[in-house]
């Protein structure tokens, strides 16, 4: 199985804020995506903070942790990840080398379940 958009179209990279989400232009598909609007946006930004906390332990960003978490799942054999510049590509490649502990995986999964609850 291949995961598509494991960083949720940029939402889990750590670069998205409430202000940035509110300023998305109407022609940006994310402006119509419920994940980028309240009440889901706040829950997703809480998940980003959890990813940021885990990443800080490894010297990595939240997007790298999101990709590593997805790739950790036994059923996932790959991930389709977008990038806009060389730095993002480097971070994406480094995510494949990140090994999360079982405790970190549980921490992320708990935050993901909380973010997914309505």
N, C-alpha and C. Protein backbone atom coordinates (compact mmCIF):
# COMPACT_ATOMS: atom_id res chain seq x y z
N UNK A 1 0.84 -1.16 0.00
CA UNK A 1 0.00 0.00 0.00
C UNK A 1 0.90 1.23 0.00
N UNK A 2 0.50 2.21 -0.75
CA UNK A 2 1.25 3.46 -0.81
C UNK A 2 0.39 4.58 -0.22
N UNK A 3 0.99 5.35 0.65
CA UNK A 3 0.30 6.47 1.29
C UNK A 3 0.44 7.71 0.40
N UNK A 4 -0.67 8.38 0.18
CA UNK A 4 -0.67 9.61 -0.61
C UNK A 4 -0.78 10.81 0.33
N UNK A 5 0.12 11.77 0.18
CA UNK A 5 0.11 13.02 0.94
C UNK A 5 0.19 12.80 2.45
N UNK A 6 1.23 12.10 2.94
CA UNK A 6 1.34 11.86 4.38
C UNK A 6 1.50 13.12 5.22
N UNK A 7 1.80 14.24 4.59
CA UNK A 7 1.89 15.49 5.35
C UNK A 7 0.61 16.32 5.18
N UNK A 8 -0.45 15.67 4.67
CA UNK A 8 -1.76 16.28 4.52
C UNK A 8 -1.69 17.62 3.79
N UNK A 9 -1.12 17.55 2.59
CA UNK A 9 -1.02 18.73 1.72
C UNK A 9 -0.37 19.92 2.41
N UNK A 10 0.67 19.63 3.19
CA UNK A 10 1.42 20.69 3.86
C UNK A 10 0.97 21.00 5.27
N UNK A 11 -0.17 20.48 5.67
CA UNK A 11 -0.70 20.80 7.00
C UNK A 11 0.21 20.31 8.12
N UNK A 12 0.83 19.15 7.95
CA UNK A 12 1.64 18.57 9.02
C UNK A 12 3.12 18.94 8.93
N UNK A 13 3.47 19.86 8.07
CA UNK A 13 4.88 20.25 7.93
C UNK A 13 5.36 21.15 9.06
N UNK A 14 4.44 21.80 9.73
CA UNK A 14 4.81 22.75 10.77
C UNK A 14 4.79 24.18 10.27
N UNK A 15 4.62 24.37 8.97
CA UNK A 15 4.62 25.71 8.40
C UNK A 15 3.21 26.34 8.37
N UNK A 16 2.19 25.50 8.52
CA UNK A 16 0.81 26.01 8.45
C UNK A 16 0.40 26.58 9.81
N UNK A 17 -0.23 27.73 9.77
CA UNK A 17 -0.77 28.39 10.95
C UNK A 17 -2.24 28.71 10.68
N UNK A 18 -2.96 29.12 11.72
CA UNK A 18 -4.34 29.54 11.51
C UNK A 18 -4.40 30.71 10.52
N UNK A 19 -3.46 31.64 10.68
CA UNK A 19 -3.44 32.82 9.82
C UNK A 19 -3.17 32.43 8.36
N UNK A 20 -2.22 31.54 8.19
CA UNK A 20 -1.89 31.12 6.82
C UNK A 20 -3.06 30.36 6.20
N UNK A 21 -3.71 29.50 6.97
CA UNK A 21 -4.86 28.75 6.46
C UNK A 21 -5.99 29.71 6.08
N UNK A 22 -6.21 30.73 6.91
CA UNK A 22 -7.28 31.71 6.62
C UNK A 22 -6.97 32.53 5.38
N UNK A 23 -5.69 32.68 5.06
CA UNK A 23 -5.28 33.50 3.92
C UNK A 23 -5.11 32.70 2.63
N UNK A 24 -5.42 31.40 2.66
CA UNK A 24 -5.29 30.61 1.43
C UNK A 24 -6.22 31.19 0.37
N UNK A 25 -5.72 31.39 -0.84
CA UNK A 25 -6.57 31.95 -1.89
C UNK A 25 -7.68 30.99 -2.30
N UNK A 26 -8.78 31.52 -2.81
CA UNK A 26 -9.92 30.66 -3.18
C UNK A 26 -9.57 29.60 -4.22
N UNK A 27 -8.56 29.85 -5.05
CA UNK A 27 -8.21 28.86 -6.06
C UNK A 27 -7.28 27.76 -5.51
N UNK A 28 -6.90 27.84 -4.25
CA UNK A 28 -6.11 26.80 -3.59
C UNK A 28 -7.09 25.79 -3.01
N UNK A 29 -7.00 24.53 -3.48
CA UNK A 29 -7.97 23.51 -3.04
C UNK A 29 -8.02 23.38 -1.52
N UNK A 30 -6.93 23.71 -0.83
CA UNK A 30 -6.91 23.58 0.62
C UNK A 30 -7.88 24.55 1.29
N UNK A 31 -8.21 25.64 0.64
CA UNK A 31 -9.14 26.61 1.24
C UNK A 31 -10.55 26.01 1.39
N UNK A 32 -10.83 24.95 0.66
CA UNK A 32 -12.13 24.28 0.74
C UNK A 32 -12.05 22.95 1.49
N UNK A 33 -10.84 22.57 1.89
CA UNK A 33 -10.64 21.30 2.58
C UNK A 33 -10.98 21.47 4.06
N UNK A 34 -11.88 20.65 4.59
CA UNK A 34 -12.28 20.78 6.00
C UNK A 34 -11.11 20.65 6.97
N UNK A 35 -10.03 19.96 6.58
CA UNK A 35 -8.87 19.81 7.46
C UNK A 35 -8.17 21.15 7.71
N UNK A 36 -8.38 22.11 6.84
CA UNK A 36 -7.75 23.42 6.94
C UNK A 36 -8.70 24.48 7.51
N UNK A 37 -9.88 24.05 7.96
CA UNK A 37 -10.87 24.97 8.53
C UNK A 37 -11.29 24.47 9.90
N UNK A 38 -11.77 25.40 10.71
CA UNK A 38 -12.22 25.04 12.06
C UNK A 38 -13.51 24.22 11.97
N UNK A 39 -13.70 23.31 12.88
CA UNK A 39 -12.92 23.03 14.09
C UNK A 39 -11.75 22.07 13.86
N UNK A 40 -11.67 21.47 12.67
CA UNK A 40 -10.63 20.48 12.37
C UNK A 40 -9.23 21.10 12.40
N UNK A 41 -9.11 22.35 11.96
CA UNK A 41 -7.79 22.97 11.90
C UNK A 41 -7.12 22.99 13.27
N UNK A 42 -7.83 23.37 14.31
CA UNK A 42 -7.24 23.42 15.65
C UNK A 42 -6.75 22.04 16.09
N UNK A 43 -7.55 21.01 15.84
CA UNK A 43 -7.14 19.65 16.21
C UNK A 43 -5.90 19.23 15.43
N UNK A 44 -5.86 19.58 14.15
CA UNK A 44 -4.70 19.22 13.34
C UNK A 44 -3.45 19.98 13.78
N UNK A 45 -3.60 21.22 14.17
CA UNK A 45 -2.45 21.98 14.65
C UNK A 45 -1.94 21.44 15.98
N UNK A 46 -2.83 20.88 16.79
CA UNK A 46 -2.40 20.20 18.02
C UNK A 46 -1.57 18.96 17.67
N UNK A 47 -1.99 18.23 16.65
CA UNK A 47 -1.22 17.07 16.18
C UNK A 47 0.16 17.53 15.71
N UNK A 48 0.23 18.64 15.01
CA UNK A 48 1.52 19.17 14.54
C UNK A 48 2.43 19.44 15.73
N UNK A 49 1.88 19.99 16.80
CA UNK A 49 2.71 20.27 17.97
C UNK A 49 3.26 18.97 18.58
N UNK A 50 2.46 17.93 18.58
CA UNK A 50 2.94 16.63 19.07
C UNK A 50 4.05 16.11 18.15
N UNK A 51 3.86 16.24 16.83
CA UNK A 51 4.90 15.84 15.88
C UNK A 51 6.17 16.67 16.08
N UNK A 52 5.99 17.95 16.36
CA UNK A 52 7.13 18.84 16.61
C UNK A 52 7.89 18.40 17.87
N UNK A 53 7.16 18.03 18.92
CA UNK A 53 7.78 17.56 20.16
C UNK A 53 8.61 16.30 19.92
N UNK A 54 8.02 15.35 19.20
CA UNK A 54 8.75 14.11 18.89
C UNK A 54 9.96 14.43 18.02
N UNK A 55 9.77 15.27 17.03
CA UNK A 55 10.87 15.62 16.13
C UNK A 55 12.02 16.30 16.85
N UNK A 56 11.71 17.11 17.84
CA UNK A 56 12.76 17.82 18.59
C UNK A 56 13.71 16.84 19.27
N UNK A 57 13.18 15.70 19.66
CA UNK A 57 14.03 14.68 20.29
C UNK A 57 15.04 14.09 19.33
N UNK A 58 14.77 14.22 18.04
CA UNK A 58 15.62 13.63 17.01
C UNK A 58 16.30 14.69 16.14
N UNK A 59 16.05 15.95 16.43
CA UNK A 59 16.58 17.01 15.58
C UNK A 59 15.91 17.04 14.22
N UNK A 60 14.62 16.74 14.20
CA UNK A 60 13.84 16.66 12.95
C UNK A 60 12.60 17.53 13.06
N UNK A 61 12.05 17.86 11.91
CA UNK A 61 10.84 18.66 11.87
C UNK A 61 9.58 17.80 11.89
N UNK A 62 8.43 18.42 12.11
CA UNK A 62 7.17 17.67 12.19
C UNK A 62 6.82 16.94 10.90
N UNK A 63 7.15 17.50 9.76
CA UNK A 63 6.87 16.82 8.50
C UNK A 63 7.65 15.53 8.36
N UNK A 64 8.91 15.55 8.77
CA UNK A 64 9.72 14.34 8.73
C UNK A 64 9.14 13.27 9.64
N UNK A 65 8.69 13.69 10.81
CA UNK A 65 8.10 12.74 11.76
C UNK A 65 6.80 12.16 11.18
N UNK A 66 5.99 12.99 10.53
CA UNK A 66 4.74 12.51 9.93
C UNK A 66 5.04 11.44 8.89
N UNK A 67 6.03 11.67 8.05
CA UNK A 67 6.38 10.69 7.03
C UNK A 67 6.92 9.41 7.67
N UNK A 68 7.82 9.56 8.65
CA UNK A 68 8.38 8.39 9.33
C UNK A 68 7.28 7.57 10.00
N UNK A 69 6.32 8.26 10.59
CA UNK A 69 5.21 7.56 11.26
C UNK A 69 4.41 6.75 10.24
N UNK A 70 4.10 7.36 9.10
CA UNK A 70 3.35 6.65 8.06
C UNK A 70 4.14 5.44 7.57
N UNK A 71 5.44 5.64 7.30
CA UNK A 71 6.26 4.55 6.79
C UNK A 71 6.48 3.44 7.82
N UNK A 72 6.26 3.75 9.09
CA UNK A 72 6.40 2.74 10.15
C UNK A 72 5.31 1.68 10.09
N UNK A 73 4.17 2.02 9.51
CA UNK A 73 3.04 1.09 9.46
C UNK A 73 3.40 -0.10 8.56
N UNK A 74 3.18 -1.31 9.08
CA UNK A 74 3.55 -2.52 8.34
C UNK A 74 2.93 -2.62 6.96
N UNK A 75 1.72 -2.11 6.80
CA UNK A 75 1.03 -2.24 5.52
C UNK A 75 1.50 -1.22 4.48
N UNK A 76 2.22 -0.20 4.92
CA UNK A 76 2.67 0.86 4.00
C UNK A 76 4.04 0.49 3.45
N UNK A 77 4.13 0.48 2.13
CA UNK A 77 5.42 0.17 1.49
C UNK A 77 6.09 1.41 0.91
N UNK A 78 5.34 2.50 0.80
CA UNK A 78 5.90 3.73 0.27
C UNK A 78 4.96 4.89 0.50
N UNK A 79 5.45 6.09 0.23
CA UNK A 79 4.64 7.29 0.41
C UNK A 79 4.89 8.24 -0.74
N UNK A 80 3.83 8.82 -1.26
CA UNK A 80 3.94 9.84 -2.30
C UNK A 80 3.93 11.18 -1.59
N UNK A 81 5.06 11.87 -1.66
CA UNK A 81 5.24 13.12 -0.92
C UNK A 81 5.62 14.22 -1.90
N UNK A 82 4.97 15.36 -1.79
CA UNK A 82 5.30 16.49 -2.64
C UNK A 82 6.33 17.40 -1.99
N UNK A 83 7.05 18.14 -2.84
CA UNK A 83 8.04 19.10 -2.36
C UNK A 83 8.09 20.27 -3.34
N UNK A 84 8.40 21.44 -2.80
CA UNK A 84 8.48 22.63 -3.63
C UNK A 84 9.90 23.13 -3.83
N UNK A 85 10.85 22.58 -3.04
CA UNK A 85 12.23 23.03 -3.19
C UNK A 85 13.19 21.92 -2.72
N UNK A 86 14.47 22.15 -2.97
CA UNK A 86 15.49 21.14 -2.66
C UNK A 86 15.56 20.85 -1.16
N UNK A 87 15.40 21.85 -0.32
CA UNK A 87 15.45 21.64 1.13
C UNK A 87 14.34 20.69 1.57
N UNK A 88 13.15 20.87 1.03
CA UNK A 88 12.05 19.98 1.37
C UNK A 88 12.34 18.55 0.92
N UNK A 89 12.96 18.41 -0.24
CA UNK A 89 13.32 17.07 -0.73
C UNK A 89 14.31 16.42 0.22
N UNK A 90 15.29 17.18 0.69
CA UNK A 90 16.28 16.65 1.64
C UNK A 90 15.59 16.16 2.92
N UNK A 91 14.67 16.97 3.43
CA UNK A 91 13.95 16.59 4.65
C UNK A 91 13.12 15.32 4.43
N UNK A 92 12.49 15.24 3.28
CA UNK A 92 11.68 14.07 2.95
C UNK A 92 12.56 12.82 2.92
N UNK A 93 13.71 12.92 2.31
CA UNK A 93 14.61 11.77 2.22
C UNK A 93 15.11 11.37 3.61
N UNK A 94 15.39 12.34 4.45
CA UNK A 94 15.85 12.04 5.81
C UNK A 94 14.77 11.34 6.63
N UNK A 95 13.52 11.59 6.31
CA UNK A 95 12.42 10.97 7.06
C UNK A 95 12.47 9.45 6.95
N UNK A 96 12.93 8.95 5.82
CA UNK A 96 13.03 7.51 5.64
C UNK A 96 14.06 6.86 6.55
N UNK A 97 14.96 7.66 7.09
CA UNK A 97 16.01 7.15 7.99
C UNK A 97 15.63 7.27 9.46
N UNK A 98 14.52 7.93 9.74
CA UNK A 98 14.12 8.19 11.12
C UNK A 98 13.41 6.98 11.71
N UNK A 99 13.93 6.49 12.81
CA UNK A 99 13.31 5.37 13.52
C UNK A 99 12.65 5.91 14.78
N UNK A 100 11.35 5.71 14.85
CA UNK A 100 10.59 6.14 16.02
C UNK A 100 10.49 5.00 17.01
N UNK A 101 10.51 5.33 18.29
CA UNK A 101 10.36 4.31 19.33
C UNK A 101 8.88 3.91 19.41
N UNK A 102 8.61 2.74 19.97
CA UNK A 102 7.20 2.35 20.17
C UNK A 102 6.43 3.38 21.00
N UNK A 103 7.09 4.00 21.97
CA UNK A 103 6.43 5.03 22.78
C UNK A 103 6.10 6.25 21.95
N UNK A 104 7.00 6.64 21.05
CA UNK A 104 6.73 7.80 20.19
C UNK A 104 5.62 7.49 19.20
N UNK A 105 5.60 6.30 18.69
CA UNK A 105 4.52 5.90 17.78
C UNK A 105 3.18 5.97 18.50
N UNK A 106 3.13 5.46 19.72
CA UNK A 106 1.89 5.51 20.51
C UNK A 106 1.50 6.96 20.80
N UNK A 107 2.47 7.80 21.09
CA UNK A 107 2.21 9.22 21.35
C UNK A 107 1.60 9.89 20.11
N UNK A 108 2.17 9.62 18.96
CA UNK A 108 1.66 10.21 17.71
C UNK A 108 0.28 9.66 17.39
N UNK A 109 0.11 8.35 17.55
CA UNK A 109 -1.19 7.75 17.25
C UNK A 109 -2.29 8.29 18.17
N UNK A 110 -1.95 8.52 19.42
CA UNK A 110 -2.93 9.10 20.34
C UNK A 110 -3.33 10.50 19.89
N UNK A 111 -2.36 11.28 19.45
CA UNK A 111 -2.65 12.64 18.97
C UNK A 111 -3.42 12.58 17.64
N UNK A 112 -3.10 11.63 16.80
CA UNK A 112 -3.79 11.50 15.50
C UNK A 112 -5.25 11.11 15.72
N UNK A 113 -5.49 10.20 16.66
CA UNK A 113 -6.87 9.80 16.97
C UNK A 113 -7.64 10.99 17.51
N UNK A 114 -7.02 11.77 18.38
CA UNK A 114 -7.68 12.97 18.92
C UNK A 114 -7.97 13.97 17.81
N UNK A 115 -7.06 14.11 16.87
CA UNK A 115 -7.27 15.05 15.77
C UNK A 115 -8.38 14.57 14.84
N UNK A 116 -8.51 13.25 14.70
CA UNK A 116 -9.52 12.70 13.80
C UNK A 116 -10.92 12.69 14.41
N UNK A 117 -11.00 12.79 15.74
CA UNK A 117 -12.33 12.75 16.35
C UNK A 117 -13.08 14.04 16.03
N UNK A 118 -14.32 13.89 15.86
CA UNK A 118 -15.15 15.05 15.46
C UNK A 118 -15.75 15.72 16.65
